[in-house]
Amino acid sequence: MDPQQIPDLPAFRQLANERTRFGAGMSIGMAAAYFSYILTIAFWPRLLGLPLWNGTVITWGFLVGVGLIALGFVLTAVYVGRANSRFDHLSQRLLEEIQ
């Protein structure tokens, strides 16, 4: 098969569309969470400067910051899981159509 014909295959279009939508959605979600955190620091620093409870030096800002880092790991794990299941299946279907 001519490599220039691959983008015209339905399996390729489906794989490309699903990967693009999924990746873009996850990127937008992470960016929204990150920029919300930054904007909160910029405009309402007192909110994130509040201690978790009386007598502690750990603030809500620290907790939310750690949560953002954890969100990055969780989103990565979700993407890898999706890539190893759905995207690999679509890639295999595409290879079968090519051969």
PDB file of N, CA and C in Angstrom:
ATOM      1  N   MET A   1       0.845  -1.178   0.000  1.00  0.00           N
ATOM      2  CA  MET A   1       0.000   0.000   0.000  1.00  0.00           C
ATOM      3  C   MET A   1       0.885   1.234   0.000  1.00  0.00           C
ATOM      4  N   ASP A   2       0.466   2.229  -0.740  1.00  0.00           N
ATOM      5  CA  ASP A   2       1.171   3.497  -0.824  1.00  0.00           C
ATOM      6  C   ASP A   2       1.000   4.262   0.502  1.00  0.00           C
ATOM      7  N   PRO A   3       2.083   4.710   1.116  1.00  0.00           N
ATOM      8  CA  PRO A   3       1.979   5.427   2.396  1.00  0.00           C
ATOM      9  C   PRO A   3       1.102   6.678   2.338  1.00  0.00           C
ATOM     10  N   GLN A   4       0.969   7.268   1.175  1.00  0.00           N
ATOM     11  CA  GLN A   4       0.132   8.464   1.048  1.00  0.00           C
ATOM     12  C   GLN A   4      -1.360   8.142   1.121  1.00  0.00           C
ATOM     13  N   GLN A   5      -1.722   6.884   1.001  1.00  0.00           N
ATOM     14  CA  GLN A   5      -3.120   6.476   1.089  1.00  0.00           C
ATOM     15  C   GLN A   5      -3.558   6.195   2.523  1.00  0.00           C
ATOM     16  N   ILE A   6      -2.607   6.072   3.440  1.00  0.00           N
ATOM     17  CA  ILE A   6      -2.941   5.723   4.831  1.00  0.00           C
ATOM     18  C   ILE A   6      -3.869   6.747   5.478  1.00  0.00           C
ATOM     19  N   PRO A   7      -3.641   8.063   5.323  1.00  0.00           N
ATOM     20  CA  PRO A   7      -4.563   9.017   5.961  1.00  0.00           C
ATOM     21  C   PRO A   7      -6.009   8.916   5.480  1.00  0.00           C
ATOM     22  N   ASP A   8      -6.232   8.279   4.351  1.00  0.00           N
ATOM     23  CA  ASP A   8      -7.591   8.137   3.825  1.00  0.00           C
ATOM     24  C   ASP A   8      -8.329   6.936   4.414  1.00  0.00           C
ATOM     25  N   LEU A   9      -7.616   6.060   5.109  1.00  0.00           N
ATOM     26  CA  LEU A   9      -8.250   4.869   5.669  1.00  0.00           C
ATOM     27  C   LEU A   9      -9.133   5.238   6.868  1.00  0.00           C
ATOM     28  N   PRO A  10     -10.324   4.623   6.961  1.00  0.00           N
ATOM     29  CA  PRO A  10     -11.218   4.916   8.096  1.00  0.00           C
ATOM     30  C   PRO A  10     -10.589   4.610   9.459  1.00  0.00           C
ATOM     31  N   ALA A  11      -9.821   3.537   9.558  1.00  0.00           N
ATOM     32  CA  ALA A  11      -9.195   3.176  10.830  1.00  0.00           C
ATOM     33  C   ALA A  11      -8.181   4.237  11.259  1.00  0.00           C
ATOM     34  N   PHE A  12      -7.446   4.789  10.302  1.00  0.00           N
ATOM     35  CA  PHE A  12      -6.478   5.837  10.621  1.00  0.00           C
ATOM     36  C   PHE A  12      -7.184   7.101  11.089  1.00  0.00           C
ATOM     37  N   ARG A  13      -8.231   7.485  10.384  1.00  0.00           N
ATOM     38  CA  ARG A  13      -8.979   8.691  10.771  1.00  0.00           C
ATOM     39  C   ARG A  13      -9.579   8.536  12.156  1.00  0.00           C
ATOM     40  N   GLN A  14     -10.129   7.355  12.447  1.00  0.00           N
ATOM     41  CA  GLN A  14     -10.719   7.108  13.760  1.00  0.00           C
ATOM     42  C   GLN A  14      -9.654   7.184  14.853  1.00  0.00           C
ATOM     43  N   LEU A  15      -8.517   6.546  14.621  1.00  0.00           N
ATOM     44  CA  LEU A  15      -7.423   6.575  15.594  1.00  0.00           C
ATOM     45  C   LEU A  15      -6.935   8.007  15.821  1.00  0.00           C
ATOM     46  N   ALA A  16      -6.714   8.731  14.751  1.00  0.00           N
ATOM     47  CA  ALA A  16      -6.221  10.101  14.871  1.00  0.00           C
ATOM     48  C   ALA A  16      -7.237  10.997  15.588  1.00  0.00           C
ATOM     49  N   ASN A  17      -8.506  10.860  15.254  1.00  0.00           N
ATOM     50  CA  ASN A  17      -9.538  11.684  15.893  1.00  0.00           C
ATOM     51  C   ASN A  17      -9.663  11.374  17.380  1.00  0.00           C
ATOM     52  N   GLU A  18      -9.679  10.099  17.732  1.00  0.00           N
ATOM     53  CA  GLU A  18      -9.828   9.727  19.141  1.00  0.00           C
ATOM     54  C   GLU A  18      -8.625  10.173  19.965  1.00  0.00           C
ATOM     55  N   ARG A  19      -7.433   9.986  19.433  1.00  0.00           N
ATOM     56  CA  ARG A  19      -6.235  10.415  20.157  1.00  0.00           C
ATOM     57  C   ARG A  19      -6.205  11.926  20.323  1.00  0.00           C
ATOM     58  N   THR A  20      -6.583  12.645  19.289  1.00  0.00           N
ATOM     59  CA  THR A  20      -6.582  14.107  19.356  1.00  0.00           C
ATOM     60  C   THR A  20      -7.603  14.609  20.369  1.00  0.00           C
ATOM     61  N   ARG A  21      -8.829  14.092  20.306  1.00  0.00           N
ATOM     62  CA  ARG A  21      -9.870  14.537  21.244  1.00  0.00           C
ATOM     63  C   ARG A  21      -9.510  14.199  22.682  1.00  0.00           C
ATOM     64  N   PHE A  22      -9.039  12.996  22.902  1.00  0.00           N
ATOM     65  CA  PHE A  22      -8.712  12.564  24.259  1.00  0.00           C
ATOM     66  C   PHE A  22      -7.540  13.372  24.825  1.00  0.00           C
ATOM     67  N   GLY A  23      -6.498  13.505  24.045  1.00  0.00           N
ATOM     68  CA  GLY A  23      -5.327  14.262  24.492  1.00  0.00           C
ATOM     69  C   GLY A  23      -5.631  15.734  24.704  1.00  0.00           C
ATOM     70  N   ALA A  24      -6.405  16.313  23.810  1.00  0.00           N
ATOM     71  CA  ALA A  24      -6.758  17.728  23.951  1.00  0.00           C
ATOM     72  C   ALA A  24      -7.642  17.947  25.176  1.00  0.00           C
ATOM     73  N   GLY A  25      -8.586  17.055  25.396  1.00  0.00           N
ATOM     74  CA  GLY A  25      -9.454  17.184  26.562  1.00  0.00           C
ATOM     75  C   GLY A  25      -8.674  17.105  27.862  1.00  0.00           C
ATOM     76  N   MET A  26      -7.743  16.170  27.930  1.00  0.00           N
ATOM     77  CA  MET A  26      -6.936  16.035  29.142  1.00  0.00           C
ATOM     78  C   MET A  26      -5.998  17.229  29.310  1.00  0.00           C
ATOM     79  N   SER A  27      -5.453  17.729  28.221  1.00  0.00           N
ATOM     80  CA  SER A  27      -4.571  18.899  28.296  1.00  0.00           C
ATOM     81  C   SER A  27      -5.334  20.129  28.756  1.00  0.00           C
ATOM     82  N   ILE A  28      -6.529  20.313  28.235  1.00  0.00           N
ATOM     83  CA  ILE A  28      -7.351  21.453  28.638  1.00  0.00           C
ATOM     84  C   ILE A  28      -7.716  21.348  30.114  1.00  0.00           C
ATOM     85  N   GLY A  29      -8.052  20.151  30.558  1.00  0.00           N
ATOM     86  CA  GLY A  29      -8.372  19.949  31.968  1.00  0.00           C
ATOM     87  C   GLY A  29      -7.201  20.277  32.883  1.00  0.00           C
ATOM     88  N   MET A  30      -6.012  19.812  32.538  1.00  0.00           N
ATOM     89  CA  MET A  30      -4.833  20.090  33.360  1.00  0.00           C
ATOM     90  C   MET A  30      -4.493  21.569  33.326  1.00  0.00           C
ATOM     91  N   ALA A  31      -4.562  22.173  32.152  1.00  0.00           N
ATOM     92  CA  ALA A  31      -4.259  23.605  32.035  1.00  0.00           C
ATOM     93  C   ALA A  31      -5.259  24.437  32.839  1.00  0.00           C
ATOM     94  N   ALA A  32      -6.529  24.067  32.804  1.00  0.00           N
ATOM     95  CA  ALA A  32      -7.546  24.800  33.563  1.00  0.00           C
ATOM     96  C   ALA A  32      -7.272  24.696  35.064  1.00  0.00           C
ATOM     97  N   ALA A  33      -6.919  23.519  35.534  1.00  0.00           N
ATOM     98  CA  ALA A  33      -6.615  23.345  36.956  1.00  0.00           C
ATOM     99  C   ALA A  33      -5.381  24.160  37.346  1.00  0.00           C
ATOM    100  N   TYR A  34      -4.351  24.103  36.529  1.00  0.00           N
ATOM    101  CA  TYR A  34      -3.113  24.831  36.819  1.00  0.00           C
ATOM    102  C   TYR A  34      -3.353  26.340  36.823  1.00  0.00           C
ATOM    103  N   PHE A  35      -4.008  26.852  35.789  1.00  0.00           N
ATOM    104  CA  PHE A  35      -4.217  28.295  35.718  1.00  0.00           C
ATOM    105  C   PHE A  35      -5.196  28.778  36.778  1.00  0.00           C
ATOM    106  N   SER A  36      -6.121  27.943  37.180  1.00  0.00           N
ATOM    107  CA  SER A  36      -6.997  28.298  38.301  1.00  0.00           C
ATOM    108  C   SER A  36      -6.177  28.469  39.572  1.00  0.00           C
ATOM    109  N   TYR A  37      -5.233  27.593  39.780  1.00  0.00           N
ATOM    110  CA  TYR A  37      -4.345  27.675  40.938  1.00  0.00           C
ATOM    111  C   TYR A  37      -3.520  28.960  40.891  1.00  0.00           C
ATOM    112  N   ILE A  38      -2.931  29.252  39.738  1.00  0.00           N
ATOM    113  CA  ILE A  38      -2.104  30.450  39.587  1.00  0.00           C
ATOM    114  C   ILE A  38      -2.944  31.711  39.766  1.00  0.00           C
ATOM    115  N   LEU A  39      -4.138  31.737  39.186  1.00  0.00           N
ATOM    116  CA  LEU A  39      -4.998  32.905  39.337  1.00  0.00           C
ATOM    117  C   LEU A  39      -5.463  33.077  40.785  1.00  0.00           C
ATOM    118  N   THR A  40      -5.678  31.982  41.471  1.00  0.00           N
ATOM    119  CA  THR A  40      -6.043  32.073  42.888  1.00  0.00           C
ATOM    120  C   THR A  40      -4.890  32.649  43.693  1.00  0.00           C
ATOM    121  N   ILE A  41      -3.675  32.236  43.394  1.00  0.00           N
ATOM    122  CA  ILE A  41      -2.500  32.791  44.064  1.00  0.00           C
ATOM    123  C   ILE A  41      -2.387  34.284  43.770  1.00  0.00           C
ATOM    124  N   ALA A  42      -2.663  34.675  42.534  1.00  0.00           N
ATOM    125  CA  ALA A  42      -2.510  36.072  42.143  1.00  0.00           C
ATOM    126  C   ALA A  42      -3.587  36.973  42.753  1.00  0.00           C
ATOM    127  N   PHE A  43      -4.824  36.514  42.766  1.00  0.00           N
ATOM    128  CA  PHE A  43      -5.916  37.399  43.155  1.00  0.00           C
ATOM    129  C   PHE A  43      -6.493  37.138  44.546  1.00  0.00           C
ATOM    130  N   TRP A  44      -6.337  35.950  45.092  1.00  0.00           N
ATOM    131  CA  TRP A  44      -6.844  35.624  46.426  1.00  0.00           C
ATOM    132  C   TRP A  44      -5.791  34.851  47.226  1.00  0.00           C
ATOM    133  N   PRO A  45      -4.623  35.461  47.431  1.00  0.00           N
ATOM    134  CA  PRO A  45      -3.554  34.720  48.121  1.00  0.00           C
ATOM    135  C   PRO A  45      -3.923  34.321  49.550  1.00  0.00           C
ATOM    136  N   ARG A  46      -4.781  35.103  50.189  1.00  0.00           N
ATOM    137  CA  ARG A  46      -5.195  34.748  51.556  1.00  0.00           C
ATOM    138  C   ARG A  46      -5.891  33.392  51.594  1.00  0.00           C
ATOM    139  N   LEU A  47      -6.659  33.115  50.563  1.00  0.00           N
ATOM    140  CA  LEU A  47      -7.418  31.860  50.531  1.00  0.00           C
ATOM    141  C   LEU A  47      -6.494  30.646  50.625  1.00  0.00           C
ATOM    142  N   LEU A  48      -5.430  30.673  49.839  1.00  0.00           N
ATOM    143  CA  LEU A  48      -4.504  29.538  49.851  1.00  0.00           C
ATOM    144  C   LEU A  48      -3.502  29.621  50.989  1.00  0.00           C
ATOM    145  N   GLY A  49      -3.444  30.763  51.658  1.00  0.00           N
ATOM    146  CA  GLY A  49      -2.536  30.923  52.786  1.00  0.00           C
ATOM    147  C   GLY A  49      -3.126  30.489  54.115  1.00  0.00           C
ATOM    148  N   LEU A  50      -4.381  30.125  54.106  1.00  0.00           N
ATOM    149  CA  LEU A  50      -5.029  29.680  55.340  1.00  0.00           C
ATOM    150  C   LEU A  50      -4.493  28.319  55.770  1.00  0.00           C
ATOM    151  N   PRO A  51      -4.232  28.143  57.058  1.00  0.00           N
ATOM    152  CA  PRO A  51      -3.771  26.825  57.521  1.00  0.00           C
ATOM    153  C   PRO A  51      -4.900  25.797  57.425  1.00  0.00           C
ATOM    154  N   LEU A  52      -4.510  24.546  57.260  1.00  0.00           N
ATOM    155  CA  LEU A  52      -5.502  23.470  57.171  1.00  0.00           C
ATOM    156  C   LEU A  52      -6.337  23.378  58.437  1.00  0.00           C
ATOM    157  N   TRP A  53      -5.697  23.544  59.596  1.00  0.00           N
ATOM    158  CA  TRP A  53      -6.392  23.584  60.887  1.00  0.00           C
ATOM    159  C   TRP A  53      -5.541  24.450  61.823  1.00  0.00           C
ATOM    160  N   ASN A  54      -6.095  24.832  62.922  1.00  0.00           N
ATOM    161  CA  ASN A  54      -5.384  25.692  63.876  1.00  0.00           C
ATOM    162  C   ASN A  54      -4.135  25.001  64.404  1.00  0.00           C
ATOM    163  N   GLY A  55      -3.036  25.761  64.418  1.00  0.00           N
ATOM    164  CA  GLY A  55      -1.798  25.240  64.981  1.00  0.00           C
ATOM    165  C   GLY A  55      -0.884  24.552  63.987  1.00  0.00           C
ATOM    166  N   THR A  56      -1.258  24.488  62.730  1.00  0.00           N
ATOM    167  CA  THR A  56      -0.399  23.849  61.737  1.00  0.00           C
ATOM    168  C   THR A  56       0.203  24.907  60.822  1.00  0.00           C
ATOM    169  N   VAL A  57       1.341  24.578  60.234  1.00  0.00           N
ATOM    170  CA  VAL A  57       1.965  25.488  59.273  1.00  0.00           C
ATOM    171  C   VAL A  57       1.644  25.065  57.838  1.00  0.00           C
ATOM    172  N   ILE A  58       0.979  23.954  57.674  1.00  0.00           N
ATOM    173  CA  ILE A  58       0.597  23.478  56.337  1.00  0.00           C
ATOM    174  C   ILE A  58      -0.650  24.241  55.890  1.00  0.00           C
ATOM    175  N   THR A  59      -0.554  24.832  54.701  1.00  0.00           N
ATOM    176  CA  THR A  59      -1.656  25.660  54.210  1.00  0.00           C
ATOM    177  C   THR A  59      -2.441  24.942  53.118  1.00  0.00           C
ATOM    178  N   TRP A  60      -3.584  25.531  52.808  1.00  0.00           N
ATOM    179  CA  TRP A  60      -4.397  25.005  51.713  1.00  0.00           C
ATOM    180  C   TRP A  60      -3.655  25.107  50.388  1.00  0.00           C
ATOM    181  N   GLY A  61      -2.847  26.141  50.226  1.00  0.00           N
ATOM    182  CA  GLY A  61      -2.067  26.304  48.993  1.00  0.00           C
ATOM    183  C   GLY A  61      -1.114  25.147  48.768  1.00  0.00           C
ATOM    184  N   PHE A  62      -0.467  24.706  49.835  1.00  0.00           N
ATOM    185  CA  PHE A  62       0.435  23.552  49.737  1.00  0.00           C
ATOM    186  C   PHE A  62      -0.341  22.304  49.344  1.00  0.00           C
ATOM    187  N   LEU A  63      -1.470  22.097  49.986  1.00  0.00           N
ATOM    188  CA  LEU A  63      -2.288  20.916  49.703  1.00  0.00           C
ATOM    189  C   LEU A  63      -2.793  20.916  48.255  1.00  0.00           C
ATOM    190  N   VAL A  64      -3.252  22.076  47.799  1.00  0.00           N
ATOM    191  CA  VAL A  64      -3.744  22.171  46.420  1.00  0.00           C
ATOM    192  C   VAL A  64      -2.589  21.988  45.434  1.00  0.00           C
ATOM    193  N   GLY A  65      -1.412  22.541  45.752  1.00  0.00           N
ATOM    194  CA  GLY A  65      -0.237  22.364  44.883  1.00  0.00           C
ATOM    195  C   GLY A  65       0.158  20.896  44.747  1.00  0.00           C
ATOM    196  N   VAL A  66       0.168  20.192  45.860  1.00  0.00           N
ATOM    197  CA  VAL A  66       0.460  18.748  45.822  1.00  0.00           C
ATOM    198  C   VAL A  66      -0.627  18.021  45.031  1.00  0.00           C
ATOM    199  N   GLY A  67      -1.871  18.475  45.187  1.00  0.00           N
ATOM    200  CA  GLY A  67      -2.971  17.880  44.427  1.00  0.00           C
ATOM    201  C   GLY A  67      -2.802  18.073  42.927  1.00  0.00           C
ATOM    202  N   LEU A  68      -2.284  19.241  42.524  1.00  0.00           N
ATOM    203  CA  LEU A  68      -2.035  19.470  41.096  1.00  0.00           C
ATOM    204  C   LEU A  68      -0.965  18.527  40.552  1.00  0.00           C
ATOM    205  N   ILE A  69       0.071  18.337  41.326  1.00  0.00           N
ATOM    206  CA  ILE A  69       1.114  17.400  40.902  1.00  0.00           C
ATOM    207  C   ILE A  69       0.532  15.993  40.793  1.00  0.00           C
ATOM    208  N   ALA A  70      -0.264  15.617  41.770  1.00  0.00           N
ATOM    209  CA  ALA A  70      -0.902  14.292  41.736  1.00  0.00           C
ATOM    210  C   ALA A  70      -1.835  14.179  40.540  1.00  0.00           C
ATOM    211  N   LEU A  71      -2.555  15.258  40.228  1.00  0.00           N
ATOM    212  CA  LEU A  71      -3.442  15.248  39.059  1.00  0.00           C
ATOM    213  C   LEU A  71      -2.663  14.969  37.782  1.00  0.00           C
ATOM    214  N   GLY A  72      -1.473  15.538  37.678  1.00  0.00           N
ATOM    215  CA  GLY A  72      -0.631  15.266  36.511  1.00  0.00           C
ATOM    216  C   GLY A  72      -0.295  13.792  36.387  1.00  0.00           C
ATOM    217  N   PHE A  73       0.047  13.154  37.507  1.00  0.00           N
ATOM    218  CA  PHE A  73       0.353  11.723  37.493  1.00  0.00           C
ATOM    219  C   PHE A  73      -0.889  10.889  37.153  1.00  0.00           C
ATOM    220  N   VAL A  74      -2.019  11.284  37.720  1.00  0.00           N
ATOM    221  CA  VAL A  74      -3.263  10.549  37.458  1.00  0.00           C
ATOM    222  C   VAL A  74      -3.647  10.653  35.984  1.00  0.00           C
ATOM    223  N   LEU A  75      -3.567  11.859  35.422  1.00  0.00           N
ATOM    224  CA  LEU A  75      -3.909  12.028  34.006  1.00  0.00           C
ATOM    225  C   LEU A  75      -2.952  11.248  33.109  1.00  0.00           C
ATOM    226  N   THR A  76      -1.683  11.204  33.491  1.00  0.00           N
ATOM    227  CA  THR A  76      -0.717  10.407  32.726  1.00  0.00           C
ATOM    228  C   THR A  76      -1.084   8.932  32.767  1.00  0.00           C
ATOM    229  N   ALA A  77      -1.435   8.443  33.949  1.00  0.00           N
ATOM    230  CA  ALA A  77      -1.820   7.031  34.085  1.00  0.00           C
ATOM    231  C   ALA A  77      -3.085   6.734  33.288  1.00  0.00           C
ATOM    232  N   VAL A  78      -4.043   7.648  33.291  1.00  0.00           N
ATOM    233  CA  VAL A  78      -5.278   7.452  32.520  1.00  0.00           C
ATOM    234  C   VAL A  78      -4.956   7.400  31.032  1.00  0.00           C
ATOM    235  N   TYR A  79      -4.089   8.304  30.569  1.00  0.00           N
ATOM    236  CA  TYR A  79      -3.732   8.305  29.149  1.00  0.00           C
ATOM    237  C   TYR A  79      -3.010   7.019  28.762  1.00  0.00           C
ATOM    238  N   VAL A  80      -2.079   6.581  29.594  1.00  0.00           N
ATOM    239  CA  VAL A  80      -1.345   5.348  29.297  1.00  0.00           C
ATOM    240  C   VAL A  80      -2.305   4.159  29.256  1.00  0.00           C
ATOM    241  N   GLY A  81      -3.235   4.117  30.195  1.00  0.00           N
ATOM    242  CA  GLY A  81      -4.231   3.040  30.192  1.00  0.00           C
ATOM    243  C   GLY A  81      -5.070   3.048  28.931  1.00  0.00           C
ATOM    244  N   ARG A  82      -5.487   4.229  28.521  1.00  0.00           N
ATOM    245  CA  ARG A  82      -6.288   4.347  27.295  1.00  0.00           C
ATOM    246  C   ARG A  82      -5.462   3.981  26.069  1.00  0.00           C
ATOM    247  N   ALA A  83      -4.197   4.435  26.057  1.00  0.00           N
ATOM    248  CA  ALA A  83      -3.326   4.139  24.922  1.00  0.00           C
ATOM    249  C   ALA A  83      -3.051   2.641  24.815  1.00  0.00           C
ATOM    250  N   ASN A  84      -2.879   1.994  25.952  1.00  0.00           N
ATOM    251  CA  ASN A  84      -2.578   0.558  25.940  1.00  0.00           C
ATOM    252  C   ASN A  84      -3.791  -0.300  25.616  1.00  0.00           C
ATOM    253  N   SER A  85      -4.963   0.240  25.741  1.00  0.00           N
ATOM    254  CA  SER A  85      -6.151  -0.556  25.433  1.00  0.00           C
ATOM    255  C   SER A  85      -6.764  -0.100  24.111  1.00  0.00           C
ATOM    256  N   ARG A  86      -7.431   0.997  24.121  1.00  0.00           N
ATOM    257  CA  ARG A  86      -8.197   1.454  22.949  1.00  0.00           C
ATOM    258  C   ARG A  86      -7.298   1.812  21.762  1.00  0.00           C
ATOM    259  N   PHE A  87      -6.268   2.641  22.009  1.00  0.00           N
ATOM    260  CA  PHE A  87      -5.438   3.096  20.890  1.00  0.00           C
ATOM    261  C   PHE A  87      -4.612   1.970  20.288  1.00  0.00           C
ATOM    262  N   ASP A  88      -4.147   1.046  21.115  1.00  0.00           N
ATOM    263  CA  ASP A  88      -3.414  -0.105  20.577  1.00  0.00           C
ATOM    264  C   ASP A  88      -4.324  -0.986  19.725  1.00  0.00           C
ATOM    265  N   HIS A  89      -5.568  -1.135  20.163  1.00  0.00           N
ATOM    266  CA  HIS A  89      -6.531  -1.916  19.389  1.00  0.00           C
ATOM    267  C   HIS A  89      -6.774  -1.261  18.022  1.00  0.00           C
ATOM    268  N   LEU A  90      -6.944   0.058  18.022  1.00  0.00           N
ATOM    269  CA  LEU A  90      -7.159   0.762  16.747  1.00  0.00           C
ATOM    270  C   LEU A  90      -5.912   0.715  15.869  1.00  0.00           C
ATOM    271  N   SER A  91      -4.743   0.778  16.476  1.00  0.00           N
ATOM    272  CA  SER A  91      -3.496   0.687  15.711  1.00  0.00           C
ATOM    273  C   SER A  91      -3.358  -0.691  15.068  1.00  0.00           C
ATOM    274  N   GLN A  92      -3.747  -1.708  15.819  1.00  0.00           N
ATOM    275  CA  GLN A  92      -3.677  -3.065  15.279  1.00  0.00           C
ATOM    276  C   GLN A  92      -4.639  -3.220  14.095  1.00  0.00           C
ATOM    277  N   ARG A  93      -5.843  -2.667  14.240  1.00  0.00           N
ATOM    278  CA  ARG A  93      -6.816  -2.702  13.135  1.00  0.00           C
ATOM    279  C   ARG A  93      -6.267  -1.981  11.910  1.00  0.00           C
ATOM    280  N   LEU A  94      -5.606  -0.867  12.117  1.00  0.00           N
ATOM    281  CA  LEU A  94      -5.014  -0.122  11.013  1.00  0.00           C
ATOM    282  C   LEU A  94      -3.929  -0.947  10.332  1.00  0.00           C
ATOM    283  N   LEU A  95      -3.079  -1.592  11.113  1.00  0.00           N
ATOM    284  CA  LEU A  95      -2.035  -2.438  10.512  1.00  0.00           C
ATOM    285  C   LEU A  95      -2.624  -3.577   9.695  1.00  0.00           C
ATOM    286  N   GLU A  96      -3.731  -4.154  10.171  1.00  0.00           N
ATOM    287  CA  GLU A  96      -4.368  -5.222   9.426  1.00  0.00           C
ATOM    288  C   GLU A  96      -4.937  -4.708   8.099  1.00  0.00           C
ATOM    289  N   GLU A  97      -5.458  -3.491   8.099  1.00  0.00           N
ATOM    290  CA  GLU A  97      -5.992  -2.908   6.855  1.00  0.00           C
ATOM    291  C   GLU A  97      -4.873  -2.602   5.879  1.00  0.00           C
ATOM    292  N   ILE A  98      -3.724  -2.208   6.387  1.00  0.00           N
ATOM    293  CA  ILE A  98      -2.593  -1.839   5.516  1.00  0.00           C
ATOM    294  C   ILE A  98      -2.023  -3.075   4.835  1.00  0.00           C
ATOM    295  N   GLN A  99      -1.963  -4.189   5.569  1.00  0.00           N
ATOM    296  CA  GLN A  99      -1.320  -5.390   5.021  1.00  0.00           C
ATOM    297  C   GLN A  99      -2.270  -6.143   4.205  1.00  0.00           C
TER     298      GLN A  99
END
